[in-house]
Amino acid sequence: MAISVIAVHPNQTIPKSLAGGGLTILSGIVECLFTGDASGDVTRDTLTFDVGPVNLTNAPPIASCTMSLASFAYDGTVNDALWAVDSANVQGFVKVDRGRGTANLEVVGNLAVRGATGIILRVNYIVFYSPL
């Protein structure tokens, strides 16, 4: 079961004139709700959201992504707590608009939390995209 996205709050995109070689840099905060399970084991799940738009190319996107925890909690007595971003990557184009030559980028993050009262509420993301 995927983690549901409550909202995506993008930061202002850095203008291409300031980023060399046509590089597009997109960043922001994703609000979500991911809680651990009652077993106390590490629970892992996937957070999927999209950012953009960016210039569409005929090849798969040349992009990378970093993601980090922005808001997390343990609602109760803390015992062996864990919160983590296991990985983050850009999967491909979504919401393709060939008429305008744009698309969004689908970002996937794998998160982990331990304990029934462990919670992840927000993550930061930075996506680097090159249309070349």
N, C-alpha and C. Protein backbone atom coordinates (compact mmCIF):
# COMPACT_ATOMS: atom_id res chain seq x y z
N MET A 1 0.84 -1.18 0.00
CA MET A 1 0.00 0.00 0.00
C MET A 1 0.88 1.24 0.00
N ALA A 2 0.66 2.13 -0.92
CA ALA A 2 1.47 3.34 -1.05
C ALA A 2 1.06 4.37 0.00
N ILE A 3 2.00 5.20 0.38
CA ILE A 3 1.74 6.29 1.32
C ILE A 3 0.95 7.36 0.58
N SER A 4 -0.13 7.83 1.19
CA SER A 4 -0.93 8.84 0.51
C SER A 4 -0.32 10.22 0.69
N VAL A 5 -0.35 10.97 -0.40
CA VAL A 5 0.16 12.34 -0.42
C VAL A 5 -0.99 13.26 -0.04
N ILE A 6 -0.74 14.12 0.95
CA ILE A 6 -1.74 15.10 1.36
C ILE A 6 -1.61 16.35 0.50
N ALA A 7 -0.37 16.82 0.30
CA ALA A 7 -0.12 18.01 -0.52
C ALA A 7 1.35 18.05 -0.92
N VAL A 8 1.61 18.67 -2.07
CA VAL A 8 2.97 18.94 -2.52
C VAL A 8 3.12 20.46 -2.58
N HIS A 9 4.11 20.98 -1.86
CA HIS A 9 4.36 22.42 -1.79
C HIS A 9 5.70 22.72 -2.46
N PRO A 10 5.67 23.05 -3.76
CA PRO A 10 6.94 23.33 -4.45
C PRO A 10 7.52 24.68 -4.02
N ASN A 11 8.85 24.73 -3.97
CA ASN A 11 9.55 26.00 -3.81
C ASN A 11 9.62 26.66 -5.17
N GLN A 12 10.03 27.91 -5.20
CA GLN A 12 10.22 28.60 -6.47
C GLN A 12 11.30 27.86 -7.26
N THR A 13 11.02 27.58 -8.53
CA THR A 13 11.99 26.91 -9.38
C THR A 13 13.15 27.86 -9.69
N ILE A 14 14.36 27.34 -9.62
CA ILE A 14 15.54 28.14 -9.94
C ILE A 14 15.55 28.38 -11.45
N PRO A 15 15.64 29.63 -11.89
CA PRO A 15 15.60 29.91 -13.34
C PRO A 15 16.73 29.19 -14.09
N LYS A 16 16.42 28.73 -15.28
CA LYS A 16 17.40 28.01 -16.10
C LYS A 16 18.61 28.89 -16.42
N SER A 17 18.43 30.19 -16.45
CA SER A 17 19.55 31.09 -16.74
C SER A 17 20.59 31.05 -15.62
N LEU A 18 20.21 30.66 -14.42
CA LEU A 18 21.14 30.57 -13.30
C LEU A 18 21.73 29.18 -13.15
N ALA A 19 21.09 28.19 -13.74
CA ALA A 19 21.58 26.81 -13.67
C ALA A 19 22.19 26.46 -15.02
N GLY A 20 23.45 26.09 -15.03
CA GLY A 20 24.17 25.85 -16.28
C GLY A 20 23.61 24.71 -17.11
N GLY A 21 23.75 24.83 -18.43
CA GLY A 21 23.41 23.77 -19.36
C GLY A 21 21.94 23.41 -19.44
N GLY A 22 21.05 24.32 -19.09
CA GLY A 22 19.62 24.03 -19.16
C GLY A 22 19.10 23.19 -18.02
N LEU A 23 19.91 22.99 -16.99
CA LEU A 23 19.51 22.19 -15.83
C LEU A 23 18.31 22.83 -15.14
N THR A 24 17.31 22.02 -14.81
CA THR A 24 16.15 22.48 -14.05
C THR A 24 16.25 21.90 -12.65
N ILE A 25 16.10 22.75 -11.64
CA ILE A 25 16.16 22.32 -10.25
C ILE A 25 14.81 22.60 -9.62
N LEU A 26 14.17 21.55 -9.14
CA LEU A 26 12.85 21.64 -8.52
C LEU A 26 12.98 21.14 -7.08
N SER A 27 12.39 21.86 -6.14
CA SER A 27 12.45 21.44 -4.75
C SER A 27 11.16 21.79 -4.04
N GLY A 28 10.98 21.23 -2.85
CA GLY A 28 9.79 21.54 -2.08
C GLY A 28 9.59 20.56 -0.93
N ILE A 29 8.37 20.59 -0.41
CA ILE A 29 7.96 19.76 0.73
C ILE A 29 6.74 18.95 0.31
N VAL A 30 6.72 17.67 0.70
CA VAL A 30 5.56 16.82 0.48
C VAL A 30 4.96 16.49 1.84
N GLU A 31 3.67 16.82 2.01
CA GLU A 31 2.96 16.42 3.22
C GLU A 31 2.39 15.02 3.00
N CYS A 32 2.58 14.16 3.98
CA CYS A 32 2.07 12.79 3.89
C CYS A 32 1.76 12.30 5.30
N LEU A 33 1.24 11.10 5.41
CA LEU A 33 1.03 10.49 6.71
C LEU A 33 1.43 9.03 6.60
N PHE A 34 2.51 8.70 7.28
CA PHE A 34 3.04 7.33 7.26
C PHE A 34 3.33 6.93 8.71
N THR A 35 2.63 5.92 9.19
CA THR A 35 2.79 5.47 10.57
C THR A 35 3.28 4.03 10.60
N GLY A 36 3.95 3.70 11.68
CA GLY A 36 4.42 2.33 11.88
C GLY A 36 3.26 1.41 12.21
N ASP A 37 3.56 0.12 12.31
CA ASP A 37 2.49 -0.83 12.65
C ASP A 37 2.65 -1.31 14.10
N ALA A 38 1.64 -1.99 14.59
CA ALA A 38 1.58 -2.41 15.99
C ALA A 38 2.62 -3.45 16.37
N SER A 39 3.21 -4.13 15.39
CA SER A 39 4.18 -5.19 15.69
C SER A 39 5.48 -4.63 16.27
N GLY A 40 5.76 -3.36 16.02
CA GLY A 40 7.01 -2.78 16.47
C GLY A 40 8.16 -3.01 15.52
N ASP A 41 7.93 -3.77 14.45
CA ASP A 41 8.95 -4.00 13.44
C ASP A 41 9.09 -2.77 12.55
N VAL A 42 10.14 -2.76 11.73
CA VAL A 42 10.32 -1.69 10.76
C VAL A 42 9.28 -1.86 9.65
N THR A 43 8.54 -0.79 9.38
CA THR A 43 7.55 -0.77 8.31
C THR A 43 8.11 0.06 7.17
N ARG A 44 8.05 -0.49 5.96
CA ARG A 44 8.54 0.23 4.78
C ARG A 44 7.39 0.42 3.80
N ASP A 45 7.41 1.57 3.12
CA ASP A 45 6.38 1.83 2.11
C ASP A 45 6.91 2.87 1.13
N THR A 46 6.14 3.09 0.08
CA THR A 46 6.55 3.94 -1.03
C THR A 46 5.70 5.21 -1.08
N LEU A 47 6.38 6.34 -1.27
CA LEU A 47 5.75 7.63 -1.45
C LEU A 47 5.96 8.03 -2.91
N THR A 48 4.88 8.28 -3.65
CA THR A 48 4.97 8.64 -5.07
C THR A 48 4.25 9.97 -5.28
N PHE A 49 4.92 10.90 -5.97
CA PHE A 49 4.32 12.20 -6.28
C PHE A 49 4.98 12.72 -7.55
N ASP A 50 4.41 13.78 -8.12
CA ASP A 50 5.02 14.33 -9.33
C ASP A 50 5.33 15.81 -9.15
N VAL A 51 6.36 16.25 -9.89
CA VAL A 51 6.80 17.65 -9.86
C VAL A 51 6.96 18.12 -11.30
N GLY A 52 6.92 19.41 -11.48
CA GLY A 52 7.09 19.95 -12.82
C GLY A 52 6.15 21.10 -13.05
N PRO A 53 5.94 21.45 -14.30
CA PRO A 53 6.35 20.75 -15.51
C PRO A 53 7.79 21.06 -15.92
N VAL A 54 8.32 20.16 -16.76
CA VAL A 54 9.66 20.31 -17.34
C VAL A 54 9.53 20.11 -18.85
N ASN A 55 10.57 20.44 -19.58
CA ASN A 55 10.57 20.20 -21.03
C ASN A 55 10.60 18.71 -21.30
N LEU A 56 9.74 18.25 -22.18
CA LEU A 56 9.62 16.83 -22.52
C LEU A 56 10.68 16.45 -23.55
N THR A 57 11.28 15.29 -23.38
CA THR A 57 12.22 14.74 -24.36
C THR A 57 11.68 13.41 -24.84
N ASN A 58 12.23 12.90 -25.93
CA ASN A 58 11.79 11.60 -26.46
C ASN A 58 12.43 10.43 -25.73
N ALA A 59 13.47 10.69 -24.96
CA ALA A 59 14.16 9.64 -24.20
C ALA A 59 13.68 9.67 -22.75
N PRO A 60 13.99 8.65 -21.99
CA PRO A 60 13.68 8.69 -20.56
C PRO A 60 14.37 9.90 -19.91
N PRO A 61 13.78 10.45 -18.85
CA PRO A 61 14.37 11.65 -18.26
C PRO A 61 15.75 11.40 -17.67
N ILE A 62 16.62 12.41 -17.84
CA ILE A 62 17.92 12.41 -17.19
C ILE A 62 17.73 13.25 -15.93
N ALA A 63 17.58 12.58 -14.80
CA ALA A 63 17.24 13.29 -13.57
C ALA A 63 17.74 12.52 -12.35
N SER A 64 17.95 13.26 -11.28
CA SER A 64 18.27 12.64 -10.00
C SER A 64 17.49 13.36 -8.92
N CYS A 65 17.37 12.71 -7.77
CA CYS A 65 16.55 13.25 -6.69
C CYS A 65 17.18 12.94 -5.35
N THR A 66 17.08 13.89 -4.45
CA THR A 66 17.40 13.63 -3.05
C THR A 66 16.15 13.91 -2.22
N MET A 67 16.02 13.20 -1.12
CA MET A 67 14.86 13.35 -0.26
C MET A 67 15.33 13.20 1.18
N SER A 68 14.75 13.98 2.08
CA SER A 68 15.09 13.88 3.49
C SER A 68 13.84 14.12 4.34
N LEU A 69 13.90 13.67 5.58
CA LEU A 69 12.79 13.86 6.50
C LEU A 69 12.70 15.33 6.90
N ALA A 70 11.49 15.88 6.92
CA ALA A 70 11.28 17.26 7.33
C ALA A 70 10.45 17.35 8.61
N SER A 71 9.57 16.39 8.84
CA SER A 71 8.74 16.39 10.04
C SER A 71 8.42 14.95 10.39
N PHE A 72 8.83 14.55 11.59
CA PHE A 72 8.57 13.19 12.04
C PHE A 72 8.38 13.21 13.56
N ALA A 73 7.71 12.20 14.08
CA ALA A 73 7.38 12.20 15.51
C ALA A 73 7.26 10.77 16.02
N TYR A 74 7.22 10.67 17.31
CA TYR A 74 6.93 9.39 17.97
C TYR A 74 5.90 9.73 19.03
N ASP A 75 4.67 9.33 18.80
CA ASP A 75 3.54 9.73 19.64
C ASP A 75 3.42 8.79 20.84
N GLY A 76 4.24 9.03 21.84
CA GLY A 76 4.23 8.19 23.03
C GLY A 76 5.64 8.03 23.55
N THR A 77 5.83 7.06 24.42
CA THR A 77 7.14 6.79 24.97
C THR A 77 8.04 6.22 23.88
N VAL A 78 9.21 6.81 23.73
CA VAL A 78 10.12 6.38 22.68
C VAL A 78 10.89 5.15 23.13
N ASN A 79 10.85 4.12 22.28
CA ASN A 79 11.60 2.90 22.53
C ASN A 79 12.07 2.35 21.19
N ASP A 80 13.36 2.49 20.91
CA ASP A 80 13.94 1.94 19.68
C ASP A 80 13.32 2.57 18.43
N ALA A 81 13.24 3.90 18.42
CA ALA A 81 12.61 4.62 17.30
C ALA A 81 13.49 4.59 16.06
N LEU A 82 12.85 4.66 14.90
CA LEU A 82 13.56 4.72 13.63
C LEU A 82 12.68 5.39 12.60
N TRP A 83 13.27 6.34 11.86
CA TRP A 83 12.64 6.95 10.70
C TRP A 83 13.70 7.02 9.63
N ALA A 84 13.36 6.76 8.36
CA ALA A 84 14.38 6.77 7.33
C ALA A 84 13.79 7.01 5.95
N VAL A 85 14.61 7.63 5.09
CA VAL A 85 14.38 7.63 3.66
C VAL A 85 15.37 6.63 3.11
N ASP A 86 14.88 5.48 2.65
CA ASP A 86 15.76 4.43 2.15
C ASP A 86 16.31 4.75 0.77
N SER A 87 15.50 5.37 -0.08
CA SER A 87 15.95 5.73 -1.42
C SER A 87 14.98 6.74 -2.03
N ALA A 88 15.46 7.42 -3.07
CA ALA A 88 14.62 8.37 -3.81
C ALA A 88 15.12 8.40 -5.25
N ASN A 89 14.19 8.38 -6.19
CA ASN A 89 14.59 8.46 -7.60
C ASN A 89 13.45 8.99 -8.45
N VAL A 90 13.80 9.38 -9.67
CA VAL A 90 12.83 9.85 -10.65
C VAL A 90 12.52 8.69 -11.57
N GLN A 91 11.24 8.29 -11.64
CA GLN A 91 10.83 7.12 -12.41
C GLN A 91 10.63 7.39 -13.89
N GLY A 92 10.06 8.55 -14.22
CA GLY A 92 9.76 8.84 -15.62
C GLY A 92 8.83 10.03 -15.75
N PHE A 93 8.32 10.21 -16.97
CA PHE A 93 7.41 11.31 -17.24
C PHE A 93 5.98 10.90 -16.95
N VAL A 94 5.18 11.84 -16.42
CA VAL A 94 3.74 11.67 -16.24
C VAL A 94 3.07 12.98 -16.67
N LYS A 95 1.77 12.94 -16.87
CA LYS A 95 1.01 14.13 -17.30
C LYS A 95 1.66 14.78 -18.52
N VAL A 96 1.91 13.96 -19.52
CA VAL A 96 2.58 14.41 -20.75
C VAL A 96 1.64 15.30 -21.57
N ASP A 97 2.14 16.45 -21.99
CA ASP A 97 1.41 17.38 -22.86
C ASP A 97 2.27 17.60 -24.09
N ARG A 98 2.07 16.77 -25.11
CA ARG A 98 2.90 16.86 -26.32
C ARG A 98 2.67 18.16 -27.07
N GLY A 99 1.47 18.74 -26.96
CA GLY A 99 1.19 20.01 -27.61
C GLY A 99 2.08 21.14 -27.11
N ARG A 100 2.35 21.16 -25.83
CA ARG A 100 3.22 22.17 -25.23
C ARG A 100 4.65 21.69 -25.10
N GLY A 101 4.85 20.38 -25.25
CA GLY A 101 6.19 19.83 -25.11
C GLY A 101 6.66 19.76 -23.67
N THR A 102 5.70 19.55 -22.74
CA THR A 102 6.04 19.48 -21.33
C THR A 102 5.49 18.21 -20.69
N ALA A 103 6.01 17.91 -19.54
CA ALA A 103 5.53 16.78 -18.74
C ALA A 103 5.97 17.01 -17.30
N ASN A 104 5.38 16.28 -16.39
CA ASN A 104 5.84 16.27 -15.01
C ASN A 104 6.77 15.08 -14.81
N LEU A 105 7.54 15.11 -13.75
CA LEU A 105 8.42 14.01 -13.39
C LEU A 105 7.82 13.26 -12.21
N GLU A 106 7.76 11.94 -12.32
CA GLU A 106 7.26 11.12 -11.21
C GLU A 106 8.43 10.78 -10.28
N VAL A 107 8.29 11.14 -9.01
CA VAL A 107 9.31 10.91 -8.00
C VAL A 107 8.81 9.81 -7.06
N VAL A 108 9.70 8.87 -6.74
CA VAL A 108 9.36 7.79 -5.83
C VAL A 108 10.39 7.77 -4.70
N GLY A 109 9.88 7.79 -3.47
CA GLY A 109 10.73 7.68 -2.29
C GLY A 109 10.32 6.48 -1.48
N ASN A 110 11.28 5.74 -0.99
CA ASN A 110 11.00 4.59 -0.12
C ASN A 110 11.32 4.99 1.31
N LEU A 111 10.30 4.97 2.17
CA LEU A 111 10.42 5.42 3.55
C LEU A 111 10.31 4.24 4.51
N ALA A 112 10.83 4.44 5.73
CA ALA A 112 10.75 3.41 6.76
C ALA A 112 10.49 4.07 8.11
N VAL A 113 9.75 3.39 8.95
CA VAL A 113 9.48 3.85 10.31
C VAL A 113 9.34 2.62 11.20
N ARG A 114 9.75 2.73 12.46
CA ARG A 114 9.59 1.61 13.38
C ARG A 114 8.71 2.04 14.55
N GLY A 115 7.85 1.11 14.97
CA GLY A 115 6.99 1.35 16.12
C GLY A 115 5.60 1.80 15.72
N ALA A 116 4.64 1.37 16.51
CA ALA A 116 3.24 1.68 16.22
C ALA A 116 2.95 3.17 16.29
N THR A 117 3.75 3.90 17.05
CA THR A 117 3.47 5.34 17.19
C THR A 117 4.52 6.20 16.49
N GLY A 118 5.36 5.60 15.65
CA GLY A 118 6.29 6.36 14.82
C GLY A 118 5.55 6.95 13.63
N ILE A 119 5.80 8.22 13.32
CA ILE A 119 5.05 8.92 12.27
C ILE A 119 6.01 9.74 11.41
N ILE A 120 5.82 9.72 10.09
CA ILE A 120 6.48 10.65 9.18
C ILE A 120 5.39 11.52 8.58
N LEU A 121 5.54 12.84 8.70
CA LEU A 121 4.52 13.78 8.25
C LEU A 121 4.92 14.60 7.02
N ARG A 122 6.23 14.85 6.84
CA ARG A 122 6.69 15.65 5.71
C ARG A 122 8.08 15.20 5.29
N VAL A 123 8.34 15.32 3.99
CA VAL A 123 9.69 15.10 3.46
C VAL A 123 10.05 16.26 2.55
N ASN A 124 11.34 16.58 2.50
CA ASN A 124 11.90 17.56 1.55
C ASN A 124 12.33 16.81 0.31
N TYR A 125 12.29 17.47 -0.84
CA TYR A 125 12.84 16.86 -2.05
C TYR A 125 13.58 17.91 -2.86
N ILE A 126 14.58 17.46 -3.60
CA ILE A 126 15.26 18.28 -4.60
C ILE A 126 15.44 17.39 -5.82
N VAL A 127 14.96 17.84 -6.97
CA VAL A 127 15.07 17.10 -8.23
C VAL A 127 15.94 17.93 -9.18
N PHE A 128 16.91 17.28 -9.80
CA PHE A 128 17.78 17.89 -10.81
C PHE A 128 17.44 17.24 -12.14
N TYR A 129 17.02 18.02 -13.11
CA TYR A 129 16.57 17.49 -14.40
C TYR A 129 17.29 18.19 -15.54
N SER A 130 17.79 17.40 -16.49
CA SER A 130 18.42 17.94 -17.69
C SER A 130 17.69 17.42 -18.91
N PRO A 131 17.22 18.30 -19.79
CA PRO A 131 16.51 17.87 -20.99
C PRO A 131 17.46 17.39 -22.08
N LEU A 132 18.76 17.42 -21.84
CA LEU A 132 19.75 17.03 -22.86
C LEU A 132 19.92 15.54 -22.94
